[in-house]
């Protein structure tokens, strides 16, 4: 491993969030570096949220709220990148 994120793992995070958009996610992931970056950030934020209980007690809730907000923000960016769900413009 060269230290770079596994883009398939990162794409899986977007697929979990948007299962009905799997074809679009796969297509964009293959051709759009910016989209892959969003998915990488999304996966990293999910991983950080999953590990929040490992943090010192006095900062857990603040970090939990921070990571949840980041996840929602990134999910909104991904949704915009995917475009309308029904295929309309």
C-alpha atoms as a PDB file:
ATOM      1  CA  UNK A   1       0.000   0.000   0.000  1.00  0.00           C
ATOM      2  CA  UNK A   2       1.404   3.405  -0.891  1.00  0.00           C
ATOM      3  CA  UNK A   3      -0.466   5.482   1.688  1.00  0.00           C
ATOM      4  CA  UNK A   4      -3.126   6.633  -0.768  1.00  0.00           C
ATOM      5  CA  UNK A   5      -6.786   5.911   0.003  1.00  0.00           C
ATOM      6  CA  UNK A   6      -8.300   2.839  -1.586  1.00  0.00           C
ATOM      7  CA  UNK A   7     -10.794   4.504  -3.942  1.00  0.00           C
ATOM      8  CA  UNK A   8     -13.022   1.411  -4.038  1.00  0.00           C
ATOM      9  CA  UNK A   9     -13.323   1.551  -0.252  1.00  0.00           C
ATOM     10  CA  UNK A  10     -14.074   5.257  -0.491  1.00  0.00           C
ATOM     11  CA  UNK A  11     -16.648   4.666  -3.214  1.00  0.00           C
ATOM     12  CA  UNK A  12     -18.304   2.077  -0.957  1.00  0.00           C
ATOM     13  CA  UNK A  13     -19.091   4.823   1.565  1.00  0.00           C
ATOM     14  CA  UNK A  14     -20.982   6.771  -1.109  1.00  0.00           C
ATOM     15  CA  UNK A  15     -22.720   3.578  -2.259  1.00  0.00           C
ATOM     16  CA  UNK A  16     -23.948   2.925   1.282  1.00  0.00           C
ATOM     17  CA  UNK A  17     -25.331   6.450   1.510  1.00  0.00           C
ATOM     18  CA  UNK A  18     -26.849   6.506  -1.998  1.00  0.00           C
ATOM     19  CA  UNK A  19     -27.598   2.873  -2.930  1.00  0.00           C
ATOM     20  CA  UNK A  20     -30.112   3.820  -5.638  1.00  0.00           C
ATOM     21  CA  UNK A  21     -27.425   5.877  -7.385  1.00  0.00           C
ATOM     22  CA  UNK A  22     -24.828   3.102  -7.595  1.00  0.00           C
ATOM     23  CA  UNK A  23     -24.380   3.248 -11.376  1.00  0.00           C
ATOM     24  CA  UNK A  24     -23.804   7.015 -11.316  1.00  0.00           C
ATOM     25  CA  UNK A  25     -21.397   6.703  -8.379  1.00  0.00           C
ATOM     26  CA  UNK A  26     -19.374   4.023 -10.147  1.00  0.00           C
ATOM     27  CA  UNK A  27     -19.240   5.993 -13.397  1.00  0.00           C
ATOM     28  CA  UNK A  28     -18.235   9.260 -11.734  1.00  0.00           C
ATOM     29  CA  UNK A  29     -15.659   7.499  -9.574  1.00  0.00           C
ATOM     30  CA  UNK A  30     -13.936   6.137 -12.652  1.00  0.00           C
ATOM     31  CA  UNK A  31     -13.709   9.424 -14.541  1.00  0.00           C
ATOM     32  CA  UNK A  32     -13.828  12.302 -12.039  1.00  0.00           C
ATOM     33  CA  UNK A  33     -10.916  12.867  -9.674  1.00  0.00           C
ATOM     34  CA  UNK A  34     -12.803  15.562  -7.744  1.00  0.00           C
ATOM     35  CA  UNK A  35     -15.691  13.178  -7.136  1.00  0.00           C
ATOM     36  CA  UNK A  36     -13.282  10.511  -5.896  1.00  0.00           C
ATOM     37  CA  UNK A  37     -11.844  13.118  -3.533  1.00  0.00           C
ATOM     38  CA  UNK A  38     -15.310  13.854  -2.157  1.00  0.00           C
ATOM     39  CA  UNK A  39     -15.877  10.143  -1.627  1.00  0.00           C
ATOM     40  CA  UNK A  40     -12.487   9.833   0.106  1.00  0.00           C
ATOM     41  CA  UNK A  41     -13.363  12.701   2.436  1.00  0.00           C
ATOM     42  CA  UNK A  42     -16.793  11.174   3.067  1.00  0.00           C
ATOM     43  CA  UNK A  43     -15.281   7.795   3.954  1.00  0.00           C
ATOM     44  CA  UNK A  44     -12.684   9.440   6.213  1.00  0.00           C
ATOM     45  CA  UNK A  45     -15.402  11.382   8.044  1.00  0.00           C
ATOM     46  CA  UNK A  46     -17.417   8.176   8.523  1.00  0.00           C
ATOM     47  CA  UNK A  47     -14.316   6.429   9.875  1.00  0.00           C
ATOM     48  CA  UNK A  48     -13.630   9.324  12.240  1.00  0.00           C
ATOM     49  CA  UNK A  49     -17.210   9.207  13.530  1.00  0.00           C
ATOM     50  CA  UNK A  50     -16.954   5.447  14.051  1.00  0.00           C
ATOM     51  CA  UNK A  51     -13.797   5.972  16.128  1.00  0.00           C
ATOM     52  CA  UNK A  52     -15.067   8.903  18.189  1.00  0.00           C
ATOM     53  CA  UNK A  53     -15.573   6.721  21.280  1.00  0.00           C
ATOM     54  CA  UNK A  54     -11.806   6.210  21.364  1.00  0.00           C
ATOM     55  CA  UNK A  55     -11.299   9.919  22.029  1.00  0.00           C
ATOM     56  CA  UNK A  56     -10.989  11.369  25.530  1.00  0.00           C
ATOM     57  CA  UNK A  57     -14.384  11.710  27.193  1.00  0.00           C
ATOM     58  CA  UNK A  58     -14.235  15.495  27.460  1.00  0.00           C
ATOM     59  CA  UNK A  59     -14.125  15.993  23.661  1.00  0.00           C
ATOM     60  CA  UNK A  60     -16.235  13.081  22.383  1.00  0.00           C
ATOM     61  CA  UNK A  61     -19.578  14.826  21.989  1.00  0.00           C
ATOM     62  CA  UNK A  62     -18.073  17.901  20.359  1.00  0.00           C
ATOM     63  CA  UNK A  63     -16.183  15.739  17.864  1.00  0.00           C
ATOM     64  CA  UNK A  64     -19.219  13.514  17.295  1.00  0.00           C
ATOM     65  CA  UNK A  65     -21.287  16.575  16.344  1.00  0.00           C
ATOM     66  CA  UNK A  66     -18.435  17.906  14.185  1.00  0.00           C
ATOM     67  CA  UNK A  67     -18.050  14.623  12.273  1.00  0.00           C
ATOM     68  CA  UNK A  68     -21.822  14.235  11.811  1.00  0.00           C
ATOM     69  CA  UNK A  69     -22.007  17.732  10.385  1.00  0.00           C
ATOM     70  CA  UNK A  70     -19.087  17.047   8.071  1.00  0.00           C
ATOM     71  CA  UNK A  71     -20.701  13.815   6.873  1.00  0.00           C
ATOM     72  CA  UNK A  72     -23.966  15.600   6.082  1.00  0.00           C
ATOM     73  CA  UNK A  73     -22.142  18.393   4.270  1.00  0.00           C
ATOM     74  CA  UNK A  74     -20.127  15.949   2.180  1.00  0.00           C
ATOM     75  CA  UNK A  75     -23.239  13.876   1.443  1.00  0.00           C
ATOM     76  CA  UNK A  76     -24.912  17.034   0.132  1.00  0.00           C
ATOM     77  CA  UNK A  77     -21.887  17.752  -2.106  1.00  0.00           C
ATOM     78  CA  UNK A  78     -21.952  14.196  -3.432  1.00  0.00           C
ATOM     79  CA  UNK A  79     -25.694  14.460  -4.127  1.00  0.00           C
ATOM     80  CA  UNK A  80     -25.117  17.677  -6.086  1.00  0.00           C
ATOM     81  CA  UNK A  81     -22.307  16.042  -8.072  1.00  0.00           C
ATOM     82  CA  UNK A  82     -24.586  13.119  -8.896  1.00  0.00           C
ATOM     83  CA  UNK A  83     -27.250  15.464 -10.224  1.00  0.00           C
ATOM     84  CA  UNK A  84     -31.001  14.892 -10.222  1.00  0.00           C
ATOM     85  CA  UNK A  85     -32.026  11.400  -9.139  1.00  0.00           C
ATOM     86  CA  UNK A  86     -34.609  11.006 -11.887  1.00  0.00           C
ATOM     87  CA  UNK A  87     -32.202  11.790 -14.706  1.00  0.00           C
ATOM     88  CA  UNK A  88     -33.858  15.095 -15.566  1.00  0.00           C
ATOM     89  CA  UNK A  89     -31.852  18.260 -16.029  1.00  0.00           C
END
